[in-house]
Amino acid sequence: QVQLVESGGGLVQPGGSLRLSCTTSGFTLHYWTIGWFRQAPGKAREGVSCISPSDDSTYYSDSVKGRFTISRDNAKETVYLQMNSLKPEDTAIYYCASDPQDLCYSDYVGGHTYAYYGQGTQVTVSS
């Protein structure tokens, strides 16, 4: 049974940092694509970043490029999203997602629907 559990969200001031974790189970992490998405109130879900299973290539949306970094620890079955220089517009529920196909090959992260999604973790950037 595939499970994805996000953690690490919270309240942070503008300019601050957070590291989100996505703990996975039920599949072999390094063979699957992992993506991070977010959804702000009243807005559509946005693809933020992804990491490819084939060569660990990473991609980012223009809105987070240069500030966010995705990485994974296969031994811990966990994927991370390091978020720096946070802005109020980064406020959203953040979800990780997984898929057995390689869906990560461009910065258009939101262009695919993944097979599995977690429940999400709230990130609020406010002073």
Foldseek 3Di string as FASTA:
>chain_A
DKAWAKDWADEAAAQAKIKMKIAIDDDQQLQKKKWKWWDDPPDDIATAKIAFSPPRDIAGAPVQPPFWDWDDDRVRNMIMIIGGRDDQVVWTWMKMAIANDGPDDYNRRVPDDHPDIHPTDTHGYHD
